[in-house]
């Protein structure tokens, strides 16, 4: 479609004696009323080149909100072409159109735009809006807006967006000689009823039973960028033990940054012991400054949360009730240079104050924390894992090598696990996959574990 369709007569005047300067190069100068387009160093003096220059200038004015701009050209000297510019009236935003048949409700996308119909058109506000839309996981891609002159004489935007699948099912498995095959699955619906609502259901075999969890997120309460989430989980950390947790958070989206606050309760029943409990309040921060590229996503993203509240353990040798505080966070940065990709992920957590609850320790090991080690082999009260990675590939299908480097404090003391490995990740149609292997450095390849994770869009 022609981006200038309906924009009226631009009044382009070409006042040049081409017979004298045909095929020559001319410097470009601008005169008239600002704003002026970006400088153009020089142009070939031909009918085609000058026509393209005129179209580029008028297209720039249209993108800036001046659909009635005009440009007159004349030679101030044999090698200098002056372009006299008249921007004309700056238009208002008349409306925004999206592709027909879109599942996502248009108002969900428009809420993130600071402009409303009738406001003076602001290309910077539109650019910020596109950056926010690019972070939405239920949109596969966000195209360049097409700008038209509407029936009221102002600007109408058409935004070509491609929706992602409304959800996915993912499954994973790992194998080691000692533990055999372990695995689990997760169902995620990322855009329930076209409103950006999120539902997650997961189950994971641990060797002692099945861990399960439920998460629901409701965005945009009462037309504001505020929402709430509800989380429920049950874990079987050991034979005869069970942990249960519920949590409710309110969150506010600031565009690339989300702040949250709320609280919850955790209860654990160790084998042969009495109920342990932790009732807490929580504050958190999540950020995402990454963007889509052909190889995946590049940039910086992460999350940080801290809790504080009352812990109790009737079986404790000292206090039965005390104040406890915890912290947990993760961050990742990814960059690409040519075919090579470089990434670093850092995850850490721990009990900042108070005694450790024996059933409430973090379980580490296996895919997602320390690849190459058995699932949940470590029970940590304080921990940190750094995961550098190098990959190669022209698209999202990439070969990679990694190392997971841990520093873990358990009830038995301090451990420093390190693993190395590699694999292949990529996508094909509705399938995304990650297959690889890794082993602890101190044990060698003979103790390697293999893993496979697959995600199917629905």
Protein backbone atom coordinates (compact mmCIF):
# COMPACT_ATOMS: atom_id res chain seq x y z
CA UNK A 1 0.00 0.00 0.00
CA UNK A 2 1.18 3.53 -0.80
CA UNK A 3 1.97 5.33 2.50
CA UNK A 4 1.11 8.69 0.88
CA UNK A 5 -2.31 7.65 -0.42
CA UNK A 6 -4.87 10.39 0.24
CA UNK A 7 -2.23 12.80 1.53
CA UNK A 8 -3.28 15.50 -0.95
CA UNK A 9 -1.19 17.46 -3.36
CA UNK A 10 2.31 18.02 -2.05
CA UNK A 11 3.13 20.74 -4.56
CA UNK A 12 6.58 19.40 -5.49
CA UNK A 13 8.30 21.79 -7.86
CA UNK A 14 11.41 20.68 -9.75
CA UNK A 15 13.09 23.83 -11.01
CA UNK A 16 16.33 22.61 -12.61
CA UNK A 17 18.01 22.77 -15.98
CA UNK A 18 18.86 19.07 -16.29
CA UNK A 19 20.48 19.47 -19.69
CA UNK A 20 23.35 21.42 -18.08
CA UNK A 21 23.99 19.16 -15.12
CA UNK A 22 22.65 15.78 -16.27
CA UNK A 23 24.28 12.80 -14.45
CA UNK A 24 26.21 15.19 -12.12
CA UNK A 25 26.29 14.99 -8.32
CA UNK A 26 24.94 17.89 -6.28
CA UNK A 27 25.20 18.81 -2.61
CA UNK A 28 21.86 19.21 -0.80
CA UNK A 29 20.82 22.16 1.34
CA UNK A 30 17.53 22.84 3.14
CA UNK A 31 15.74 26.15 3.52
CA UNK A 32 12.29 27.23 4.63
CA UNK A 33 10.54 26.41 7.89
CA UNK A 34 11.63 23.77 10.42
CA UNK A 35 11.56 20.98 11.30
CA UNK A 36 14.06 19.85 8.70
CA UNK A 37 14.67 16.21 7.72
CA UNK A 38 18.03 14.52 8.41
CA UNK A 39 20.87 15.88 6.25
CA UNK A 40 21.42 14.37 2.81
CA UNK A 41 25.08 14.63 1.74
CA UNK A 42 24.54 14.65 -2.03
CA UNK A 43 22.30 13.37 -4.77
CA UNK A 44 22.70 12.32 -8.38
CA UNK A 45 21.05 14.88 -10.63
CA UNK A 46 18.62 12.71 -12.59
CA UNK A 47 14.85 12.72 -12.87
CA UNK A 48 14.63 9.45 -10.97
CA UNK A 49 17.00 10.44 -8.15
CA UNK A 50 15.36 13.83 -7.60
CA UNK A 51 11.90 12.26 -7.61
CA UNK A 52 13.03 9.71 -5.01
CA UNK A 53 14.57 12.48 -2.90
CA UNK A 54 11.28 14.35 -2.96
CA UNK A 55 9.32 11.25 -1.99
CA UNK A 56 11.74 10.47 0.87
CA UNK A 57 11.45 14.00 2.25
CA UNK A 58 7.66 13.97 2.13
CA UNK A 59 7.56 10.48 3.66
CA UNK A 60 9.73 11.75 6.53
CA UNK A 61 7.35 14.67 7.12
CA UNK A 62 4.40 12.29 7.06
CA UNK A 63 6.09 10.08 9.69
CA UNK A 64 6.60 13.17 11.86
CA UNK A 65 2.93 14.18 11.60
CA UNK A 66 3.01 16.69 8.74
CA UNK A 67 0.89 15.22 5.93
CA UNK A 68 0.54 18.53 4.06
CA UNK A 69 4.25 19.30 3.63
CA UNK A 70 5.60 20.56 0.32
CA UNK A 71 9.10 20.78 -1.12
CA UNK A 72 10.40 23.01 -3.91
CA UNK A 73 13.80 22.35 -5.48
CA UNK A 74 16.14 24.75 -7.25
CA UNK A 75 19.86 25.03 -7.97
CA UNK A 76 21.62 27.81 -6.10
CA UNK A 77 24.79 26.90 -8.00
CA UNK A 78 25.70 24.25 -10.59
CA UNK A 79 26.66 21.77 -7.84
CA UNK A 80 24.26 22.77 -5.01
CA UNK A 81 20.59 21.81 -4.92
CA UNK A 82 18.44 23.71 -2.42
CA UNK A 83 15.20 22.25 -1.15
CA UNK A 84 12.75 24.82 0.16
CA UNK A 85 10.49 23.15 2.75
CA UNK A 86 7.05 24.11 4.02
CA UNK A 87 5.92 21.59 6.70
CA UNK A 88 2.30 22.76 6.78
CA UNK A 89 -0.15 21.95 9.58
CA UNK A 90 0.84 19.33 12.12
CA UNK A 91 -1.91 16.72 12.19
CA UNK A 92 -3.66 15.04 15.10
CA UNK A 93 -4.11 11.32 15.62
CA UNK A 94 -7.43 10.35 14.07
CA UNK A 95 -7.36 6.61 14.75
CA UNK A 96 -5.44 3.34 14.82
CA UNK A 97 -6.29 0.21 12.87
CA UNK A 98 -5.16 -3.39 13.38
CA UNK A 99 -5.40 -6.51 11.18
CA UNK A 100 -8.87 -8.02 10.98
CA UNK A 101 -9.59 -11.21 12.88
CA UNK A 102 -7.08 -10.49 15.65
CA UNK A 103 -7.72 -12.51 18.85
CA UNK A 104 -6.23 -9.84 21.09
CA UNK A 105 -8.63 -7.08 22.03
CA UNK A 106 -7.42 -3.79 20.45
CA UNK A 107 -7.96 -1.86 23.68
CA UNK A 108 -5.37 -4.06 25.39
CA UNK A 109 -2.75 -2.76 22.96
CA UNK A 110 -4.05 0.82 22.85
CA UNK A 111 -3.89 1.17 26.64
CA UNK A 112 -0.12 1.23 26.39
CA UNK A 113 -0.13 4.24 24.06
CA UNK A 114 0.00 7.67 25.71
CA UNK A 115 -1.86 9.27 22.76
CA UNK A 116 -5.60 9.32 22.22
CA UNK A 117 -7.60 10.26 19.13
CA UNK A 118 -7.64 14.03 18.89
CA UNK A 119 -4.17 14.47 20.44
CA UNK A 120 -1.44 16.03 18.34
CA UNK A 121 0.49 13.26 16.62
CA UNK A 122 3.77 12.46 18.41
CA UNK A 123 6.16 10.01 16.69
CA UNK A 124 8.22 9.61 19.88
CA UNK A 125 5.15 8.42 21.79
CA UNK A 126 4.42 5.95 19.00
CA UNK A 127 8.02 4.69 19.11
CA UNK A 128 7.80 4.09 22.87
CA UNK A 129 4.51 2.28 22.33
CA UNK A 130 6.05 -0.05 19.76
CA UNK A 131 8.88 -0.88 22.21
CA UNK A 132 6.29 -1.86 24.83
CA UNK A 133 4.34 -3.99 22.38
CA UNK A 134 7.55 -5.76 21.36
CA UNK A 135 7.87 -7.09 24.92
CA UNK A 136 4.44 -8.75 24.92
CA UNK A 137 4.89 -12.49 24.60
CA UNK A 138 1.49 -12.99 22.96
CA UNK A 139 2.64 -10.92 19.96
CA UNK A 140 5.01 -12.69 17.59
CA UNK A 141 6.10 -9.51 15.78
CA UNK A 142 5.22 -5.83 15.55
CA UNK A 143 5.69 -4.26 12.13
CA UNK A 144 6.39 -0.69 11.04
CA UNK A 145 3.21 1.43 11.24
CA UNK A 146 1.73 2.55 7.96
CA UNK A 147 0.55 6.17 8.00
CA UNK A 148 -2.48 7.44 6.07
CA UNK A 149 -4.53 10.58 5.90
CA UNK A 150 -7.93 9.86 7.40
CA UNK A 151 -11.35 11.14 6.27
CA UNK A 152 -11.19 13.94 8.86
CA UNK A 153 -7.90 15.22 7.49
CA UNK A 154 -5.70 13.79 10.25
CA UNK A 155 -3.43 10.79 10.68
CA UNK A 156 -4.60 7.19 10.78
CA UNK A 157 -2.10 4.50 11.74
CA UNK A 158 -2.32 0.92 10.54
CA UNK A 159 -0.20 -1.36 12.71
CA UNK A 160 0.65 -4.77 11.21
CA UNK A 161 1.02 -7.12 14.17
CA UNK A 162 1.42 -10.87 14.07
CA UNK A 163 0.01 -12.70 17.06
CA UNK A 164 1.86 -15.53 18.73
CA UNK A 165 0.04 -18.74 19.52
CA UNK A 166 -2.38 -18.34 22.43
CA UNK A 167 -0.33 -20.74 24.54
CA UNK A 168 1.89 -23.76 24.58
CA UNK A 169 2.56 -27.10 26.15
CA UNK A 170 6.12 -27.84 27.17
CA UNK A 171 7.69 -31.02 28.41
CA UNK A 172 11.16 -31.95 29.55
CA UNK A 173 13.10 -34.98 30.62
CA UNK A 174 16.57 -35.82 31.90
CA UNK A 175 18.46 -39.05 32.20
CA UNK A 176 21.29 -40.21 34.43
CA UNK A 177 22.44 -43.68 35.41
CA UNK A 178 21.74 -43.12 39.09
CA UNK A 179 18.31 -41.49 38.93
CA UNK A 180 17.04 -42.86 35.62
CA UNK A 181 14.50 -40.81 33.69
CA UNK A 182 12.81 -37.81 35.32
CA UNK A 183 10.51 -35.33 33.62
CA UNK A 184 7.57 -33.03 33.75
CA UNK A 185 5.25 -30.83 31.76
CA UNK A 186 3.68 -27.38 31.74
CA UNK A 187 0.63 -25.86 30.08
CA UNK A 188 0.69 -22.10 29.56
CA UNK A 189 -2.11 -19.94 28.13
CA UNK A 190 -0.62 -16.49 27.63
CA UNK A 191 -3.58 -14.54 26.25
CA UNK A 192 -6.80 -15.86 27.77
CA UNK A 193 -9.93 -14.38 26.15
CA UNK A 194 -7.75 -11.94 24.21
CA UNK A 195 -7.07 -9.89 27.34
CA UNK A 196 -3.44 -10.78 28.12
CA UNK A 197 -4.44 -12.98 31.04
CA UNK A 198 -1.99 -15.76 31.85
CA UNK A 199 -2.62 -19.25 33.21
CA UNK A 200 0.12 -21.76 34.04
CA UNK A 201 -0.28 -25.37 35.16
CA UNK A 202 2.79 -27.52 35.75
CA UNK A 203 3.74 -30.95 37.08
CA UNK A 204 7.22 -32.35 37.67
CA UNK A 205 8.38 -35.82 38.72
CA UNK A 206 10.99 -35.59 41.48
CA UNK A 207 11.81 -39.20 42.31
CA UNK A 208 9.71 -38.95 45.49
CA UNK A 209 6.44 -37.84 43.94
CA UNK A 210 4.93 -35.13 41.75
CA UNK A 211 5.43 -31.40 42.25
CA UNK A 212 2.60 -29.25 40.96
CA UNK A 213 1.86 -25.54 40.65
CA UNK A 214 -0.84 -23.12 39.46
CA UNK A 215 -0.41 -19.47 38.44
CA UNK A 216 -3.00 -16.96 37.24
CA UNK A 217 -2.23 -13.34 36.26
CA UNK A 218 -4.90 -10.73 35.61
CA UNK A 219 -3.54 -7.54 33.99
CA UNK A 220 -5.12 -4.11 33.59
CA UNK A 221 -7.54 -3.85 36.48
CA UNK A 222 -10.13 -1.11 35.93
CA UNK A 223 -8.34 0.10 32.80
CA UNK A 224 -5.05 0.77 34.61
CA UNK A 225 -1.64 -0.95 34.20
CA UNK A 226 -2.22 -2.65 37.57
CA UNK A 227 -3.04 -6.33 38.03
CA UNK A 228 -2.88 -9.25 40.41
CA UNK A 229 -1.57 -12.80 40.42
CA UNK A 230 -2.41 -15.92 42.41
CA UNK A 231 0.10 -18.75 42.86
CA UNK A 232 -0.44 -22.19 44.44
CA UNK A 233 2.05 -25.03 44.68
CA UNK A 234 2.72 -28.39 46.27
CA UNK A 235 6.16 -30.05 46.43
CA UNK A 236 7.35 -33.48 47.52
CA UNK A 237 10.99 -32.78 48.44
CA UNK A 238 11.63 -36.12 50.17
CA UNK A 239 9.90 -39.39 50.87
CA UNK A 240 7.16 -38.71 53.40
CA UNK A 241 7.52 -34.89 53.16
CA UNK A 242 5.23 -32.31 51.59
CA UNK A 243 5.36 -28.51 51.18
CA UNK A 244 2.44 -26.27 50.24
CA UNK A 245 2.39 -22.59 49.41
CA UNK A 246 -0.03 -19.88 48.34
CA UNK A 247 0.81 -16.33 47.31
CA UNK A 248 -1.09 -13.29 46.05
CA UNK A 249 0.61 -10.25 44.52
CA UNK A 250 -0.50 -6.92 43.13
CA UNK A 251 1.69 -5.54 40.35
CA UNK A 252 2.01 -2.32 38.36
CA UNK A 253 3.49 -2.13 34.86
CA UNK A 254 5.69 0.90 34.24
CA UNK A 255 6.72 -0.10 30.72
CA UNK A 256 9.71 -2.42 30.77
CA UNK A 257 9.65 -2.41 34.60
CA UNK A 258 7.08 -4.07 36.83
CA UNK A 259 6.83 -3.50 40.59
CA UNK A 260 4.87 -5.88 42.80
CA UNK A 261 3.86 -6.39 46.39
CA UNK A 262 1.74 -8.82 48.36
CA UNK A 263 2.15 -11.81 50.58
CA UNK A 264 1.57 -15.46 51.14
CA UNK A 265 2.07 -18.47 53.36
CA UNK A 266 4.30 -21.52 53.13
CA UNK A 267 3.83 -24.72 55.14
CA UNK A 268 6.06 -27.78 55.24
CA UNK A 269 5.63 -31.16 56.85
CA UNK A 270 9.00 -32.95 57.09
CA UNK A 271 8.95 -36.72 57.31
CA UNK A 272 8.31 -37.66 60.93
CA UNK A 273 8.24 -34.00 62.03
CA UNK A 274 5.73 -31.32 62.92
CA UNK A 275 4.42 -28.59 60.65
CA UNK A 276 6.81 -25.76 59.78
CA UNK A 277 5.33 -22.45 58.65
CA UNK A 278 6.36 -19.12 57.13
CA UNK A 279 3.82 -16.28 56.72
CA UNK A 280 5.33 -13.41 54.79
CA UNK A 281 4.94 -10.18 52.91
CA UNK A 282 6.74 -9.71 49.61
CA UNK A 283 7.96 -6.92 47.32
CA UNK A 284 9.46 -7.48 43.90
CA UNK A 285 10.84 -5.87 40.78
CA UNK A 286 10.93 -7.27 37.24
CA UNK A 287 12.55 -5.62 34.23
CA UNK A 288 12.92 -6.43 30.56
CA UNK A 289 15.08 -4.28 28.29
CA UNK A 290 15.54 -6.95 25.64
CA UNK A 291 14.31 -6.88 22.05
CA UNK A 292 13.67 -9.35 19.28
CA UNK A 293 16.43 -10.11 16.77
CA UNK A 294 16.71 -12.93 14.18
CA UNK A 295 18.75 -15.04 16.66
CA UNK A 296 16.19 -14.71 19.46
CA UNK A 297 16.28 -11.90 22.01
CA UNK A 298 19.16 -9.65 22.96
CA UNK A 299 19.47 -7.29 25.89
CA UNK A 300 19.10 -7.27 29.65
CA UNK A 301 16.27 -8.76 31.73
CA UNK A 302 15.80 -9.92 35.29
CA UNK A 303 13.76 -10.15 38.45
CA UNK A 304 14.35 -9.49 42.13
CA UNK A 305 12.15 -10.21 45.16
CA UNK A 306 12.43 -10.19 48.91
CA UNK A 307 10.14 -11.51 51.64
CA UNK A 308 9.86 -10.98 55.37
CA UNK A 309 7.61 -12.43 58.02
CA UNK A 310 7.10 -14.88 60.85
CA UNK A 311 8.56 -18.38 60.75
CA UNK A 312 7.74 -21.18 63.16
CA UNK A 313 9.02 -24.69 63.80
CA UNK A 314 7.76 -26.57 66.87
CA UNK A 315 10.66 -28.99 66.50
CA UNK A 316 13.38 -26.31 66.65
CA UNK A 317 16.08 -26.74 69.32
CA UNK A 318 16.12 -22.98 70.01
CA UNK A 319 13.27 -20.64 69.08
CA UNK A 320 9.86 -21.93 68.05
CA UNK A 321 8.93 -18.61 66.36
CA UNK A 322 11.21 -15.99 64.79
CA UNK A 323 11.42 -13.30 62.13
CA UNK A 324 12.76 -14.51 58.80
CA UNK A 325 13.67 -12.66 55.61
CA UNK A 326 14.61 -14.10 52.23
CA UNK A 327 15.82 -12.76 48.90
CA UNK A 328 15.91 -14.23 45.41
CA UNK A 329 16.76 -12.87 41.99
CA UNK A 330 17.93 -13.62 38.50
CA UNK A 331 19.36 -11.58 35.63
CA UNK A 332 20.51 -12.33 32.12
CA UNK A 333 22.28 -10.42 29.39
CA UNK A 334 22.58 -11.63 25.80
CA UNK A 335 24.43 -10.15 22.83
CA UNK A 336 25.19 -11.25 19.28
CA UNK A 337 28.07 -10.46 16.99
CA UNK A 338 27.71 -11.96 13.56
CA UNK A 339 27.01 -15.66 13.93
CA UNK A 340 28.24 -15.75 17.53
CA UNK A 341 26.14 -15.20 20.61
CA UNK A 342 27.30 -14.47 24.14
CA UNK A 343 25.18 -14.81 27.23
CA UNK A 344 25.48 -14.66 30.99
CA UNK A 345 22.81 -15.68 33.46
CA UNK A 346 23.06 -15.13 37.21
CA UNK A 347 20.66 -16.57 39.77
CA UNK A 348 20.90 -16.27 43.52
CA UNK A 349 18.81 -16.62 46.64
CA UNK A 350 18.95 -17.26 50.33
CA UNK A 351 17.70 -16.68 53.82
CA UNK A 352 18.86 -13.19 54.81
CA UNK A 353 17.81 -13.35 58.44
CA UNK A 354 16.56 -16.02 60.82
CA UNK A 355 17.02 -19.75 61.18
CA UNK A 356 16.63 -22.09 58.24
CA UNK A 357 13.49 -24.17 57.95
CA UNK A 358 14.69 -27.66 57.05
CA UNK A 359 11.81 -28.29 54.65
CA UNK A 360 11.99 -24.83 53.09
CA UNK A 361 15.47 -24.96 51.59
CA UNK A 362 15.97 -24.30 47.89
CA UNK A 363 16.33 -27.42 45.75
CA UNK A 364 19.08 -27.09 43.15
CA UNK A 365 20.45 -29.37 40.47
CA UNK A 366 19.41 -30.42 37.02
CA UNK A 367 17.98 -28.53 34.05
CA UNK A 368 17.30 -24.90 34.90
CA UNK A 369 19.81 -24.57 37.76
CA UNK A 370 22.90 -26.81 37.62
CA UNK A 371 22.84 -28.84 34.42
CA UNK A 372 24.88 -32.01 34.57
CA UNK A 373 23.97 -32.69 38.20
CA UNK A 374 21.06 -34.90 39.35
CA UNK A 375 17.73 -33.19 39.86
CA UNK A 376 17.41 -31.38 43.20
CA UNK A 377 20.60 -32.93 44.59
CA UNK A 378 21.43 -29.80 46.67
CA UNK A 379 19.31 -28.32 49.49
CA UNK A 380 20.56 -24.78 49.98
CA UNK A 381 19.89 -22.01 52.45
CA UNK A 382 22.10 -19.59 50.50
CA UNK A 383 23.18 -20.02 46.90
CA UNK A 384 24.30 -18.43 43.67
CA UNK A 385 24.80 -19.80 40.15
CA UNK A 386 26.52 -18.07 37.20
CA UNK A 387 25.96 -19.51 33.71
CA UNK A 388 28.13 -18.16 30.88
CA UNK A 389 27.32 -19.38 27.38
CA UNK A 390 28.66 -19.09 23.84
CA UNK A 391 26.50 -20.01 20.85
CA UNK A 392 26.79 -20.05 17.09
CA UNK A 393 24.13 -19.85 14.40
CA UNK A 394 22.46 -17.46 11.97
CA UNK A 395 18.93 -17.90 13.35
CA UNK A 396 17.24 -19.09 16.53
CA UNK A 397 18.61 -22.58 15.80
CA UNK A 398 21.96 -22.49 17.56
CA UNK A 399 24.70 -24.75 18.86
CA UNK A 400 25.93 -23.71 22.31
CA UNK A 401 28.41 -24.56 25.02
CA UNK A 402 27.89 -23.55 28.63
CA UNK A 403 29.16 -23.77 32.15
CA UNK A 404 27.11 -23.62 35.36
CA UNK A 405 29.22 -22.36 38.26
CA UNK A 406 27.67 -22.57 41.71
CA UNK A 407 28.40 -21.44 45.24
CA UNK A 408 26.01 -23.19 47.61
CA UNK A 409 25.68 -23.21 51.39
CA UNK A 410 23.88 -26.27 52.72
CA UNK A 411 23.37 -27.76 56.18
CA UNK A 412 26.54 -29.78 55.55
CA UNK A 413 28.70 -26.78 54.64
CA UNK A 414 29.84 -24.92 51.54
CA UNK A 415 29.82 -26.53 48.08
CA UNK A 416 31.25 -25.21 44.81
CA UNK A 417 29.70 -27.29 42.02
CA UNK A 418 30.80 -26.63 38.44
CA UNK A 419 29.46 -28.31 35.31
CA UNK A 420 30.13 -27.92 31.60
CA UNK A 421 28.25 -29.09 28.56
CA UNK A 422 26.64 -28.17 25.29
CA UNK A 423 23.62 -28.68 23.14
CA UNK A 424 21.38 -27.53 20.35
CA UNK A 425 18.35 -25.29 20.68
CA UNK A 426 16.07 -23.95 18.02
CA UNK A 427 12.61 -23.93 16.57
CA UNK A 428 10.75 -25.42 13.65
CA UNK A 429 7.20 -24.35 13.00
CA UNK A 430 5.27 -24.71 16.24
CA UNK A 431 8.06 -26.64 17.94
CA UNK A 432 10.87 -25.21 20.07
CA UNK A 433 13.46 -27.53 21.50
CA UNK A 434 16.59 -27.66 23.63
CA UNK A 435 18.64 -30.85 23.68
CA UNK A 436 22.02 -31.28 25.31
CA UNK A 437 24.22 -32.88 27.89
CA UNK A 438 26.48 -31.85 30.72
CA UNK A 439 28.61 -33.29 33.47
CA UNK A 440 30.22 -32.19 36.75
CA UNK A 441 33.81 -31.09 36.18
CA UNK A 442 35.11 -33.06 39.16
CA UNK A 443 33.49 -36.31 37.96
CA UNK A 444 34.14 -36.21 34.23
CA UNK A 445 32.09 -37.18 31.16
CA UNK A 446 31.39 -40.63 32.54
CA UNK A 447 28.85 -39.07 34.89
CA UNK A 448 27.09 -37.03 32.19
CA UNK A 449 23.37 -36.33 32.23
CA UNK A 450 21.27 -35.79 29.14
CA UNK A 451 18.28 -33.52 28.87
CA UNK A 452 15.59 -32.72 26.34
CA UNK A 453 13.05 -29.92 26.54
CA UNK A 454 10.35 -29.31 23.93
CA UNK A 455 7.66 -26.65 23.62
CA UNK A 456 4.65 -27.05 21.33
CA UNK A 457 2.58 -23.99 20.45
CA UNK A 458 -1.18 -24.55 20.54
